[in-house]
Protein backbone atom coordinates (compact mmCIF):
# COMPACT_ATOMS: atom_id res chain seq x y z
CA MET A 1 0.00 0.00 0.00
CA ALA A 2 2.28 2.70 -1.29
CA GLY A 3 1.60 6.14 0.01
CA ARG A 4 -0.23 4.81 3.17
CA PRO A 5 1.00 6.62 6.22
CA ARG A 6 2.94 4.47 8.90
CA PRO A 7 1.94 4.52 12.57
CA VAL A 8 4.23 6.59 14.79
CA ALA A 9 5.72 4.75 17.90
CA LYS A 10 4.80 6.33 21.26
CA PRO A 11 7.71 7.06 23.56
CA ALA A 12 8.10 4.67 26.57
CA ALA A 13 6.67 5.97 29.81
CA LYS A 14 9.29 6.94 32.43
CA ALA A 15 9.56 4.67 35.50
CA PRO A 16 8.30 6.39 38.59
CA ALA A 17 11.16 7.73 40.79
CA LYS A 18 11.93 5.71 43.95
CA GLY A 19 11.20 7.26 47.26
CA PRO A 20 8.57 9.70 48.28
CA SER A 21 7.70 12.26 45.82
CA ARG A 22 8.30 15.79 46.88
CA PRO A 23 8.23 19.07 45.08
CA PRO A 24 11.57 20.22 43.78
CA GLY A 25 13.63 22.23 46.27
CA LYS A 26 11.65 21.10 49.34
CA PRO A 27 13.89 19.81 52.20
CA ILE A 28 13.75 16.15 53.34
CA PRO A 29 11.67 15.77 56.51
CA ARG A 30 13.63 15.02 59.79
CA ALA A 31 12.02 11.60 60.25
CA ALA A 32 13.10 10.62 56.77
CA ARG A 33 16.65 11.72 57.48
CA ARG A 34 16.73 9.59 60.64
CA ALA A 35 15.41 6.62 58.72
CA ARG A 36 18.08 7.03 56.08
CA GLY A 37 20.91 7.24 58.71
CA ARG A 38 19.79 4.22 60.76
CA GLY A 39 22.44 1.43 60.79
CA ALA A 40 25.20 3.51 59.29
CA PRO A 41 28.62 3.18 60.99
CA PRO A 42 30.16 6.23 62.72
CA ARG A 43 32.66 8.22 60.89
CA GLY A 44 36.20 6.76 60.82
CA PRO A 45 38.18 9.44 62.73
CA LEU A 46 35.80 9.39 65.74
CA TRP A 47 35.97 5.60 66.02
CA ILE A 48 39.76 5.64 65.95
CA ALA A 49 39.93 8.36 68.61
CA LEU A 50 37.62 6.44 70.96
CA GLY A 51 39.60 3.23 70.52
CA ALA A 52 42.91 4.98 71.12
CA LEU A 53 41.56 6.60 74.29
CA GLY A 54 40.39 3.25 75.62
CA LEU A 55 43.75 1.64 74.86
CA VAL A 56 45.68 4.42 76.55
CA THR A 57 43.44 4.18 79.63
CA ALA A 58 43.94 0.42 79.84
CA LEU A 59 47.70 0.74 79.45
CA CYS A 60 47.86 3.42 82.16
CA ALA A 61 45.80 1.27 84.53
CA LEU A 62 48.05 -1.71 83.84
CA GLY A 63 51.15 0.40 84.40
CA VAL A 64 49.87 1.65 87.75
CA PHE A 65 48.97 -1.90 88.81
CA VAL A 66 52.42 -3.20 87.88
CA TYR A 67 54.07 -0.30 89.71
CA LEU A 68 52.02 -0.91 92.86
CA ARG A 69 52.84 -4.62 92.99
CA THR A 70 56.51 -4.57 91.95
CA PRO A 71 58.93 -4.72 94.91
CA HIS A 72 61.51 -1.99 95.11
CA ARG A 73 64.99 -3.08 94.08
CA GLY A 74 66.46 -3.13 97.58
CA ARG A 75 68.60 -5.48 99.62
CA GLY A 76 66.06 -6.28 102.32
CA ARG A 77 67.62 -3.87 104.80
CA VAL A 78 65.53 -1.82 107.18
CA VAL A 79 65.19 1.90 106.49
CA ARG A 80 63.84 4.38 108.99
CA VAL A 81 61.70 7.26 107.74
CA ALA A 82 60.85 10.32 109.83
CA ILE A 83 57.42 11.87 109.12
CA ALA A 84 56.74 15.20 110.78
CA GLU A 85 53.40 16.44 112.07
CA GLY A 86 51.36 18.01 109.29
CA ALA A 87 53.54 16.53 106.55
CA SER A 88 51.95 16.73 103.10
CA ALA A 89 51.83 13.96 100.54
CA ALA A 90 54.81 15.58 98.82
CA ALA A 91 56.79 15.67 102.09
CA VAL A 92 55.99 12.02 102.87
CA THR A 93 56.99 10.99 99.36
CA ARG A 94 60.21 12.98 99.61
CA SER A 95 61.14 11.25 102.88
CA LEU A 96 60.52 7.80 101.39
CA TRP A 97 62.50 8.69 98.27
CA THR A 98 65.42 10.04 100.29
CA ALA A 99 65.46 6.89 102.44
CA GLY A 100 65.63 4.73 99.31
CA ALA A 101 62.27 3.00 99.83
CA ILE A 102 60.52 3.94 96.54
CA ASP A 103 61.08 4.57 92.84
CA HIS A 104 59.18 7.06 90.62
CA PRO A 105 58.30 9.51 93.40
CA TRP A 106 55.95 11.53 91.16
CA LEU A 107 53.70 8.49 90.69
CA PHE A 108 53.87 7.50 94.36
CA HIS A 109 53.01 11.09 95.33
CA LEU A 110 49.91 10.97 93.13
CA LEU A 111 48.78 7.64 94.60
CA ALA A 112 49.48 8.76 98.18
CA ALA A 113 47.48 11.92 97.67
CA VAL A 114 44.52 10.18 95.98
CA SER A 115 44.38 7.31 98.51
CA GLY A 116 44.77 9.54 101.57
CA ALA A 117 47.76 7.49 102.76
CA ALA A 118 49.79 10.60 103.49
CA ASP A 119 47.09 11.98 105.76
CA GLY A 120 46.80 8.74 107.74
CA ALA A 121 50.54 8.06 108.03
CA HIS A 122 52.08 7.57 111.45
CA ARG A 123 53.75 10.75 112.68
CA GLY A 124 57.24 10.03 113.94
CA THR A 125 59.65 7.30 112.87
CA ILE A 126 58.43 4.38 110.78
CA ALA A 127 60.44 1.33 109.83
CA LEU A 128 60.21 -0.23 106.37
CA ARG A 129 62.27 -2.70 104.39
CA ASP A 130 63.80 -1.27 101.24
CA ASP A 131 62.45 -4.14 99.10
CA LEU A 132 58.73 -3.54 99.67
CA SER A 133 56.26 -2.82 96.89
CA PRO A 134 54.59 0.62 96.77
CA TYR A 135 51.31 -1.13 97.59
CA ALA A 136 52.80 -2.54 100.82
CA ILE A 137 54.14 0.89 101.77
CA LEU A 138 50.80 2.60 101.07
CA ARG A 139 49.02 -0.04 103.16
CA THR A 140 51.39 0.58 106.07
CA LEU A 141 50.80 4.33 105.80
CA LEU A 142 47.02 3.90 105.61
CA ARG A 143 47.06 1.77 108.78
CA GLY A 144 48.94 4.51 110.59
CA ALA A 145 51.46 1.89 111.73
CA ALA A 146 55.05 2.59 112.63
CA GLY A 147 56.15 -0.51 110.76
CA VAL A 148 58.29 -3.28 112.17
CA ILE A 149 61.90 -4.31 112.01
CA ARG A 150 62.56 -7.98 111.39
CA VAL A 151 65.53 -9.15 113.42
CA THR A 152 66.94 -12.69 113.46
CA ILE A 153 68.80 -13.81 116.60
CA PRO A 154 70.96 -16.85 115.76
CA GLU A 155 71.28 -19.78 118.11
CA GLY A 156 74.27 -19.48 120.43
CA TYR A 157 74.34 -15.67 120.51
CA THR A 158 75.23 -14.14 123.85
CA ARG A 159 73.25 -11.24 125.25
CA PHE A 160 76.14 -8.99 124.20
CA ASP A 161 75.78 -10.20 120.61
CA ILE A 162 72.02 -9.68 120.73
CA ALA A 163 72.39 -6.15 122.11
CA ARG A 164 74.68 -5.14 119.24
CA ARG A 165 72.35 -6.61 116.63
CA LEU A 166 69.27 -4.89 118.05
CA GLU A 167 71.04 -1.54 118.13
CA SER A 168 72.33 -1.86 114.56
CA ALA A 169 68.78 -2.69 113.40
CA GLY A 170 67.32 0.36 115.14
CA VAL A 171 65.17 -1.55 117.65
CA CYS A 172 66.72 -0.29 120.89
CA SER A 173 70.08 0.76 122.24
CA ALA A 174 72.60 -1.91 123.22
CA ALA A 175 73.23 -0.25 126.60
CA ASP A 176 69.52 -0.23 127.48
CA PHE A 177 69.09 -3.84 126.44
CA LEU A 178 72.06 -5.05 128.50
CA ALA A 179 70.88 -3.03 131.49
CA ARG A 180 67.49 -4.74 131.34
CA THR A 181 69.11 -8.19 131.19
CA GLU A 182 70.69 -7.39 134.58
CA ASP A 183 67.73 -5.54 136.08
CA PRO A 184 67.11 -6.94 139.61
CA ALA A 185 63.35 -6.48 139.24
CA LEU A 186 63.26 -8.52 136.04
CA LEU A 187 65.54 -11.17 137.51
CA ARG A 188 63.22 -11.59 140.50
CA ARG A 189 60.25 -11.83 138.14
CA TYR A 190 61.85 -14.78 136.37
CA GLY A 191 63.44 -16.38 139.43
CA LEU A 192 67.00 -15.86 138.18
CA ARG A 193 70.25 -14.37 139.42
CA ASP A 194 73.04 -12.33 137.81
CA SER A 195 71.59 -11.98 134.29
CA LEU A 196 69.09 -13.24 131.75
CA GLU A 197 71.82 -14.89 129.69
CA GLY A 198 70.46 -18.12 128.27
CA TYR A 199 66.80 -17.08 128.51
CA LEU A 200 66.65 -14.77 125.47
CA PHE A 201 65.28 -17.20 122.94
CA PRO A 202 66.97 -17.14 119.52
CA ASP A 203 64.34 -16.61 116.86
CA THR A 204 63.14 -14.13 114.22
CA TYR A 205 61.23 -11.22 115.72
CA ASP A 206 59.21 -8.39 114.20
CA LEU A 207 59.80 -5.43 116.51
CA PRO A 208 58.80 -1.76 116.26
CA PRO A 209 61.59 0.79 115.92
CA ASP A 210 62.75 2.44 119.13
CA SER A 211 61.10 -0.26 121.24
CA PRO A 212 61.44 -0.12 125.04
CA ALA A 213 64.26 -2.52 125.89
CA GLU A 214 62.28 -4.12 128.70
CA ARG A 215 59.50 -5.04 126.28
CA VAL A 216 62.00 -6.68 123.91
CA VAL A 217 63.60 -8.62 126.75
CA ASP A 218 60.23 -9.75 128.07
CA ARG A 219 59.19 -11.04 124.66
CA MET A 220 62.37 -13.08 124.26
CA VAL A 221 62.15 -14.54 127.76
CA THR A 222 58.49 -15.41 127.20
CA GLU A 223 59.46 -17.33 124.06
CA ALA A 224 62.19 -19.18 125.95
CA ALA A 225 59.75 -20.19 128.69
CA ARG A 226 57.20 -21.37 126.14
CA HIS A 227 59.68 -23.55 124.22
CA LEU A 228 61.18 -24.98 127.39
CA ARG A 229 57.74 -25.85 128.75
CA THR A 230 56.89 -27.72 125.53
CA LEU A 231 60.18 -29.63 125.49
CA LYS A 232 59.91 -30.60 129.15
CA ALA A 233 56.51 -32.15 128.47
CA GLN A 234 58.09 -34.20 125.67
CA HIS A 235 61.08 -35.37 127.75
CA PRO A 236 59.95 -36.09 131.34
CA ASP A 237 63.00 -38.29 132.02
CA GLY A 238 65.27 -35.39 131.20
CA VAL A 239 63.41 -33.19 133.66
CA LEU A 240 63.93 -35.76 136.42
CA ARG A 241 67.62 -35.99 135.55
CA ALA A 242 67.99 -32.22 135.76
CA ALA A 243 65.99 -32.08 139.00
CA SER A 244 68.28 -34.67 140.61
CA LEU A 245 71.30 -32.56 139.73
CA ALA A 246 69.52 -29.48 141.09
CA GLY A 247 68.88 -31.21 144.42
CA GLY A 248 65.29 -32.08 143.58
CA ASP A 249 64.22 -28.43 143.48
CA THR A 250 61.56 -27.98 140.79
CA ALA A 251 59.60 -25.17 142.43
CA PRO A 252 59.76 -21.79 140.67
CA ALA A 253 61.71 -19.21 142.62
CA ALA A 254 59.19 -16.49 141.66
CA PRO A 255 55.41 -16.37 141.26
CA SER A 256 55.58 -15.34 137.59
CA ALA A 257 54.09 -17.71 135.02
CA HIS A 258 57.41 -17.54 133.19
CA ALA A 259 59.65 -18.10 136.21
CA PHE A 260 62.38 -20.74 135.91
CA ASP A 261 63.08 -23.30 138.66
CA ARG A 262 66.44 -24.80 139.53
CA ALA A 263 65.93 -27.76 137.21
CA ASP A 264 65.18 -25.36 134.34
CA GLN A 265 68.41 -23.53 135.06
CA VAL A 266 70.38 -26.79 134.89
CA ILE A 267 68.78 -27.61 131.52
CA VAL A 268 69.38 -24.17 130.03
CA THR A 269 72.96 -23.95 131.29
CA LEU A 270 73.85 -27.37 129.92
CA ALA A 271 72.11 -26.59 126.63
CA SER A 272 74.16 -23.40 126.27
CA LEU A 273 77.37 -25.46 126.49
CA VAL A 274 76.04 -27.89 123.89
CA GLU A 275 75.09 -24.98 121.61
CA ARG A 276 78.58 -23.46 121.74
CA GLU A 277 80.49 -26.72 121.46
CA THR A 278 79.34 -28.04 118.10
CA GLY A 279 78.40 -26.88 114.64
CA SER A 280 76.91 -30.26 113.76
CA PRO A 281 73.24 -30.79 114.64
CA GLY A 282 73.77 -34.54 114.71
CA ASP A 283 76.36 -34.27 117.50
CA ARG A 284 74.29 -32.22 119.94
CA ALA A 285 72.71 -35.09 121.88
CA HIS A 286 76.02 -37.01 121.94
CA ILE A 287 77.90 -34.02 123.34
CA ALA A 288 75.13 -33.57 125.93
CA SER A 289 75.67 -37.18 127.00
CA VAL A 290 79.40 -36.52 127.54
CA PHE A 291 78.61 -33.63 129.88
CA TRP A 292 75.94 -35.63 131.70
CA ASN A 293 78.36 -38.55 132.11
CA ARG A 294 81.01 -36.26 133.59
CA LEU A 295 78.46 -34.80 135.98
CA ARG A 296 76.86 -38.05 137.11
CA LEU A 297 79.10 -41.11 136.67
CA PRO A 298 80.51 -41.95 140.12
CA ASP A 299 83.93 -43.02 138.81
CA PHE A 300 84.62 -39.76 136.99
CA ARG A 301 86.58 -37.42 139.27
CA PRO A 302 87.10 -34.50 139.41
CA ARG A 303 83.87 -33.43 137.73
CA LEU A 304 85.46 -30.93 135.36
CA LEU A 305 83.57 -30.26 132.15
CA GLN A 306 86.65 -28.65 130.52
CA SER A 307 84.72 -26.56 128.00
CA ASP A 308 86.67 -23.86 126.15
CA PRO A 309 83.58 -21.69 125.45
CA THR A 310 82.98 -21.33 129.18
CA VAL A 311 86.43 -19.79 129.59
CA VAL A 312 85.84 -17.37 126.74
CA TYR A 313 82.49 -16.31 128.17
CA GLY A 314 84.06 -15.73 131.57
CA CYS A 315 86.58 -13.37 130.01
CA THR A 316 83.79 -11.49 128.21
CA VAL A 317 81.41 -11.13 131.15
CA MET A 318 84.11 -10.13 133.63
CA ALA A 319 85.30 -7.41 131.27
CA ALA A 320 81.69 -6.21 130.89
CA ARG A 321 81.42 -5.97 134.69
CA GLY A 322 84.47 -3.71 134.78
CA THR A 323 86.75 -6.34 136.34
CA PRO A 324 88.76 -7.72 133.40
CA LEU A 325 90.87 -10.79 134.09
CA ARG A 326 94.58 -10.50 133.56
CA ALA A 327 94.78 -13.99 132.08
CA CYS A 328 92.40 -12.92 129.33
CA GLU A 329 94.60 -10.07 128.16
CA HIS A 330 96.51 -12.47 125.92
CA GLY A 331 93.39 -13.09 123.85
CA ASP A 332 92.45 -11.04 120.81
CA GLY A 333 90.08 -8.84 122.81
CA GLY A 334 86.96 -9.84 120.84
CA GLN A 335 84.15 -12.27 121.36
CA ARG A 336 86.14 -15.05 119.68
CA ARG A 337 89.20 -14.99 121.90
CA VAL A 338 92.32 -17.05 121.37
CA ILE A 339 92.46 -19.70 124.11
CA THR A 340 95.80 -19.78 125.97
CA GLY A 341 97.16 -22.08 128.65
CA THR A 342 97.12 -19.18 131.11
CA MET A 343 93.39 -18.72 130.55
CA LEU A 344 92.70 -22.41 131.14
CA LEU A 345 94.56 -22.32 134.49
CA ASP A 346 92.96 -19.12 135.74
CA ARG A 347 90.93 -19.91 138.86
CA SER A 348 89.74 -16.31 139.14
CA ASN A 349 87.49 -16.89 136.13
CA PRO A 350 84.21 -18.09 137.69
CA PHE A 351 83.13 -19.67 134.38
CA ASN A 352 86.36 -21.66 133.92
CA THR A 353 85.24 -25.31 133.81
CA TYR A 354 88.89 -26.40 133.69
CA THR A 355 89.39 -25.23 137.28
CA HIS A 356 85.84 -25.33 138.75
CA GLU A 357 83.83 -28.53 138.97
CA GLY A 358 80.27 -28.93 137.77
CA LEU A 359 78.25 -26.55 135.67
CA PRO A 360 79.31 -22.90 135.35
CA PRO A 361 77.40 -20.29 137.42
CA GLY A 362 74.91 -19.81 134.57
CA PRO A 363 74.39 -20.16 130.82
CA ILE A 364 77.15 -18.95 128.52
CA ALA A 365 74.89 -18.24 125.51
CA ASN A 366 71.26 -18.46 124.45
CA PRO A 367 70.47 -21.99 123.26
CA GLY A 368 67.88 -22.83 120.64
CA ALA A 369 65.21 -25.52 120.77
CA ARG A 370 67.49 -28.25 119.37
CA ALA A 371 70.17 -27.69 122.00
CA LEU A 372 67.53 -27.66 124.75
CA ALA A 373 66.12 -30.93 123.41
CA ALA A 374 69.63 -32.44 123.38
CA ALA A 375 70.19 -31.46 127.02
CA LEU A 376 66.88 -33.09 127.94
CA SER A 377 67.40 -36.20 125.81
CA PRO A 378 71.10 -37.14 125.52
CA THR A 379 72.24 -40.29 123.77
CA PRO A 380 72.88 -43.40 125.95
CA ASP A 381 76.60 -43.43 125.08
CA GLN A 382 79.16 -43.76 127.87
CA ASP A 383 81.74 -41.46 126.26
CA LEU A 384 83.63 -38.99 128.44
CA TYR A 385 85.71 -37.13 125.85
CA PHE A 386 85.36 -35.53 122.45
CA VAL A 387 87.56 -33.56 120.11
CA ALA A 388 86.71 -31.47 117.06
CA MET A 389 87.46 -33.18 113.77
CA GLY A 390 87.78 -29.94 111.82
CA ASP A 391 84.62 -30.34 109.73
CA GLY A 392 82.10 -29.35 112.39
CA ARG A 393 81.75 -32.85 113.78
CA SER A 394 83.42 -34.39 116.82
CA ALA A 395 85.24 -37.65 117.57
CA PHE A 396 84.12 -39.26 120.83
CA ALA A 397 85.95 -41.57 123.18
CA PRO A 398 85.05 -43.44 126.42
CA SER A 399 88.64 -43.48 127.71
CA LEU A 400 91.51 -41.05 128.05
CA GLU A 401 93.82 -43.25 125.95
CA GLU A 402 91.44 -43.32 123.01
CA HIS A 403 90.80 -39.60 123.37
CA ARG A 404 94.54 -38.91 123.15
CA ARG A 405 94.71 -40.89 119.93
CA ASN A 406 91.84 -38.83 118.55
CA VAL A 407 93.64 -35.63 119.54
CA GLN A 408 96.76 -36.76 117.71
CA ARG A 409 94.70 -37.61 114.67
CA TYR A 410 92.47 -34.53 114.46
CA LEU A 411 94.11 -31.71 116.40
CA HIS A 412 96.09 -30.48 113.40
CA ARG A 413 92.80 -30.11 111.47
CA GLY A 414 90.94 -28.13 114.12
CA ASP A 415 90.92 -27.00 117.71
CA ALA A 416 90.53 -29.60 120.42
CA GLY A 417 87.07 -29.97 121.86
CA ALA A 418 85.99 -29.16 125.32
CA VAL A 419 86.88 -32.27 127.15
CA SER A 420 90.59 -32.89 127.19
CA PRO A 421 92.31 -33.07 130.58
């Protein structure tokens, strides 16, 4: 059909636009904006800042915790810190820093101020070890305590040794301590004479700085009485043996609960000899048996214990009383004197068991629990002599002839023991 007009194609209808229709230029309603933003993550820089802040806070908290719990790099020595009335947190921190008790004083100052430890600190002198953690120091300050000084008294120390150690630790003066060990009122309380030598129990004590000497003495004597009471209950035969040597007197000489009777004094005196005569724990009971045999066997005469440490102690105590013995002048002048023949023959030394029979007038040192147990429970051996072998142990003998052979064998390796004629 040439010349017939063709139909014209209609344009495709436009797809309706998504979303609500709105007139051009009209702003989006607030509710629609909130709907559009729901579920969208926060902007990157804000998220990073919040995460970094949290990490820094955690690291700071961890650092403070580690600082609080880490012990100071000290040597375990006791330091004394003076805190004045009205001292601020800065002043308390400065005193601890100067004494060498803390590191990082700026951080400790902050913690002391925040916790209130500086306000509650004891005013006066406090005692602290230089290896404590800041937490332990803050706790001591918060309690308002003066702290304590830990002092170890070794077995076999004399009261003179103890006095020097207490003074060097800052517990009390040596002169005050020694004066209290000779105080007539204290001696009557405990039923003793002359001194409290032997009744100051060797142990580890936690004591406040600048303690009254009488309080320190009383604590040590109380410990000695407690240990002796326990050991006597365990060794009733030893108590009877000591009572027989004391003439059967087992009644306390004073009404105090910690008073010592005559049998106690025999036990403690003998134990002090045992303590000073051997460095070998295994020999203690055997050495005690030698002394008991010399004191009790009817055929052994004269009853001389012949103990070198008794002579040395006599030289020390007589010099302390202001009446030094001329025979002792040949020693080295210290607590470990050189024994000479003149010293062994000196009858003016009341503690000389080479010239005076039986036990010395009192203990020559402060024995520990093991020496007390040995005195109460000696071995059943019949030996009468012993000599040091040079390695801490002793060689024992029942006869003088065998003892002399032991002396020839071991004397060049160490000093002779306390029982050679």
